[in-house]
């Protein structure tokens, strides 16, 4: 995430469009291999408490206990619904702003 945020800061820091495109492209050439190393290589070099340690990123019967599944999946659904609710609030607010300015 920090690599991506640094990319966004870099893109917004340069005003000239051609220069911004060139520097951002060069940054991406170096950032992509670092992202691969940080996401796929380093987590598998040491033991971890996270599911998927050891090269298996999937949630199979060995990774997640059934008691944990009873909490994990409803929690994921809840966060998705909260995100959708916030999106609809922003959408309705934007629609109200358009109606009041017209």
C-alpha atoms as a PDB file:
ATOM      1  CA  UNK A   1       0.000   0.000   0.000  1.00  0.00           C
ATOM      2  CA  UNK A   2       2.844   2.371   0.757  1.00  0.00           C
ATOM      3  CA  UNK A   3       4.275   1.817  -2.717  1.00  0.00           C
ATOM      4  CA  UNK A   4       0.917   2.681  -4.250  1.00  0.00           C
ATOM      5  CA  UNK A   5       0.463   5.780  -2.078  1.00  0.00           C
ATOM      6  CA  UNK A   6       3.964   6.927  -3.012  1.00  0.00           C
ATOM      7  CA  UNK A   7       2.969   6.539  -6.664  1.00  0.00           C
ATOM      8  CA  UNK A   8      -0.114   8.718  -6.126  1.00  0.00           C
ATOM      9  CA  UNK A   9       1.928  11.376  -4.343  1.00  0.00           C
ATOM     10  CA  UNK A  10       4.468  11.322  -7.165  1.00  0.00           C
ATOM     11  CA  UNK A  11       1.739  11.695  -9.800  1.00  0.00           C
ATOM     12  CA  UNK A  12       0.219  14.676  -8.026  1.00  0.00           C
ATOM     13  CA  UNK A  13       3.526  16.382  -7.272  1.00  0.00           C
ATOM     14  CA  UNK A  14       4.497  17.102 -10.891  1.00  0.00           C
ATOM     15  CA  UNK A  15       2.503  19.597 -12.944  1.00  0.00           C
ATOM     16  CA  UNK A  16       3.904  18.997 -16.441  1.00  0.00           C
ATOM     17  CA  UNK A  17       1.987  16.097 -17.990  1.00  0.00           C
ATOM     18  CA  UNK A  18       4.796  14.571 -20.114  1.00  0.00           C
ATOM     19  CA  UNK A  19       7.321  14.715 -17.301  1.00  0.00           C
ATOM     20  CA  UNK A  20       4.780  13.245 -14.854  1.00  0.00           C
ATOM     21  CA  UNK A  21       4.088  10.337 -17.222  1.00  0.00           C
ATOM     22  CA  UNK A  22       7.782   9.532 -17.739  1.00  0.00           C
ATOM     23  CA  UNK A  23       8.729   9.678 -14.066  1.00  0.00           C
ATOM     24  CA  UNK A  24       5.672   7.648 -13.059  1.00  0.00           C
ATOM     25  CA  UNK A  25       6.485   4.988 -15.650  1.00  0.00           C
ATOM     26  CA  UNK A  26      10.055   4.716 -14.379  1.00  0.00           C
ATOM     27  CA  UNK A  27       8.765   4.467 -10.801  1.00  0.00           C
ATOM     28  CA  UNK A  28       6.409   1.653 -11.838  1.00  0.00           C
ATOM     29  CA  UNK A  29       9.253  -0.270 -13.482  1.00  0.00           C
ATOM     30  CA  UNK A  30      11.057  -0.407 -10.127  1.00  0.00           C
ATOM     31  CA  UNK A  31       7.964  -0.648  -7.896  1.00  0.00           C
ATOM     32  CA  UNK A  32       6.418  -3.692  -9.578  1.00  0.00           C
ATOM     33  CA  UNK A  33       9.278  -6.121  -8.795  1.00  0.00           C
ATOM     34  CA  UNK A  34       9.370  -4.781  -5.236  1.00  0.00           C
ATOM     35  CA  UNK A  35       5.645  -5.419  -4.905  1.00  0.00           C
ATOM     36  CA  UNK A  36       6.098  -9.011  -6.072  1.00  0.00           C
ATOM     37  CA  UNK A  37       8.860  -9.537  -3.518  1.00  0.00           C
ATOM     38  CA  UNK A  38       6.874  -7.943  -0.702  1.00  0.00           C
ATOM     39  CA  UNK A  39       3.640  -9.791  -1.442  1.00  0.00           C
ATOM     40  CA  UNK A  40       4.790 -13.251  -2.450  1.00  0.00           C
ATOM     41  CA  UNK A  41       8.365 -13.893  -1.343  1.00  0.00           C
ATOM     42  CA  UNK A  42       8.870 -12.297   2.073  1.00  0.00           C
ATOM     43  CA  UNK A  43       5.696 -13.654   3.731  1.00  0.00           C
ATOM     44  CA  UNK A  44       6.722 -17.220   2.889  1.00  0.00           C
ATOM     45  CA  UNK A  45      10.234 -16.930   4.294  1.00  0.00           C
ATOM     46  CA  UNK A  46       9.130 -17.064   7.932  1.00  0.00           C
ATOM     47  CA  UNK A  47       6.437 -18.716  10.007  1.00  0.00           C
ATOM     48  CA  UNK A  48       3.278 -16.762  10.492  1.00  0.00           C
ATOM     49  CA  UNK A  49      -0.066 -17.015  12.231  1.00  0.00           C
ATOM     50  CA  UNK A  50      -1.859 -15.980   9.042  1.00  0.00           C
ATOM     51  CA  UNK A  51      -3.799 -18.535   6.997  1.00  0.00           C
ATOM     52  CA  UNK A  52      -1.986 -19.544   3.842  1.00  0.00           C
ATOM     53  CA  UNK A  53       1.491 -19.656   5.346  1.00  0.00           C
ATOM     54  CA  UNK A  54       3.725 -22.060   3.489  1.00  0.00           C
ATOM     55  CA  UNK A  55       2.583 -21.315  -0.041  1.00  0.00           C
ATOM     56  CA  UNK A  56      -1.159 -22.012   0.185  1.00  0.00           C
ATOM     57  CA  UNK A  57      -3.082 -18.735   0.136  1.00  0.00           C
ATOM     58  CA  UNK A  58      -6.508 -20.387  -0.061  1.00  0.00           C
ATOM     59  CA  UNK A  59      -8.958 -20.931   2.767  1.00  0.00           C
ATOM     60  CA  UNK A  60      -9.290 -24.689   2.876  1.00  0.00           C
ATOM     61  CA  UNK A  61     -10.218 -26.924   5.807  1.00  0.00           C
ATOM     62  CA  UNK A  62      -6.678 -26.774   7.220  1.00  0.00           C
ATOM     63  CA  UNK A  63      -6.419 -22.985   7.189  1.00  0.00           C
ATOM     64  CA  UNK A  64      -9.644 -21.873   8.866  1.00  0.00           C
ATOM     65  CA  UNK A  65     -11.380 -23.667  11.713  1.00  0.00           C
ATOM     66  CA  UNK A  66     -15.158 -24.061  11.398  1.00  0.00           C
ATOM     67  CA  UNK A  67     -15.706 -21.887  14.480  1.00  0.00           C
ATOM     68  CA  UNK A  68     -13.638 -19.156  12.851  1.00  0.00           C
ATOM     69  CA  UNK A  69     -15.616 -19.467   9.607  1.00  0.00           C
ATOM     70  CA  UNK A  70     -18.838 -18.800  11.545  1.00  0.00           C
ATOM     71  CA  UNK A  71     -17.425 -15.380  12.481  1.00  0.00           C
ATOM     72  CA  UNK A  72     -15.209 -14.572   9.485  1.00  0.00           C
ATOM     73  CA  UNK A  73     -17.717 -14.841   6.637  1.00  0.00           C
ATOM     74  CA  UNK A  74     -20.539 -12.883   8.329  1.00  0.00           C
ATOM     75  CA  UNK A  75     -17.968 -10.221   9.285  1.00  0.00           C
ATOM     76  CA  UNK A  76     -16.859  -9.958   5.629  1.00  0.00           C
ATOM     77  CA  UNK A  77     -20.474  -9.655   4.527  1.00  0.00           C
ATOM     78  CA  UNK A  78     -21.071  -7.001   7.188  1.00  0.00           C
ATOM     79  CA  UNK A  79     -18.119  -4.898   6.017  1.00  0.00           C
ATOM     80  CA  UNK A  80     -19.270  -5.175   2.417  1.00  0.00           C
ATOM     81  CA  UNK A  81     -22.739  -3.992   3.432  1.00  0.00           C
ATOM     82  CA  UNK A  82     -21.282  -1.088   5.443  1.00  0.00           C
ATOM     83  CA  UNK A  83     -19.224  -0.082   2.404  1.00  0.00           C
ATOM     84  CA  UNK A  84     -22.286  -0.238   0.175  1.00  0.00           C
ATOM     85  CA  UNK A  85     -24.276   1.824   2.675  1.00  0.00           C
ATOM     86  CA  UNK A  86     -21.566   4.514   2.754  1.00  0.00           C
ATOM     87  CA  UNK A  87     -21.489   4.502  -1.052  1.00  0.00           C
ATOM     88  CA  UNK A  88     -25.262   5.045  -1.239  1.00  0.00           C
ATOM     89  CA  UNK A  89     -25.018   7.887   1.294  1.00  0.00           C
ATOM     90  CA  UNK A  90     -22.358   9.602  -0.820  1.00  0.00           C
ATOM     91  CA  UNK A  91     -24.400   9.020  -3.985  1.00  0.00           C
ATOM     92  CA  UNK A  92     -27.538  10.500  -2.433  1.00  0.00           C
ATOM     93  CA  UNK A  93     -25.580  13.463  -1.060  1.00  0.00           C
ATOM     94  CA  UNK A  94     -24.116  14.146  -4.502  1.00  0.00           C
ATOM     95  CA  UNK A  95     -27.587  13.926  -6.048  1.00  0.00           C
ATOM     96  CA  UNK A  96     -28.931  16.394  -3.484  1.00  0.00           C
ATOM     97  CA  UNK A  97     -26.074  18.801  -4.225  1.00  0.00           C
ATOM     98  CA  UNK A  98     -26.835  18.641  -7.963  1.00  0.00           C
ATOM     99  CA  UNK A  99     -30.523  19.342  -7.360  1.00  0.00           C
ATOM    100  CA  UNK A 100     -29.897  22.334  -5.114  1.00  0.00           C
ATOM    101  CA  UNK A 101     -27.383  24.006  -7.447  1.00  0.00           C
ATOM    102  CA  UNK A 102     -29.585  23.720 -10.555  1.00  0.00           C
END
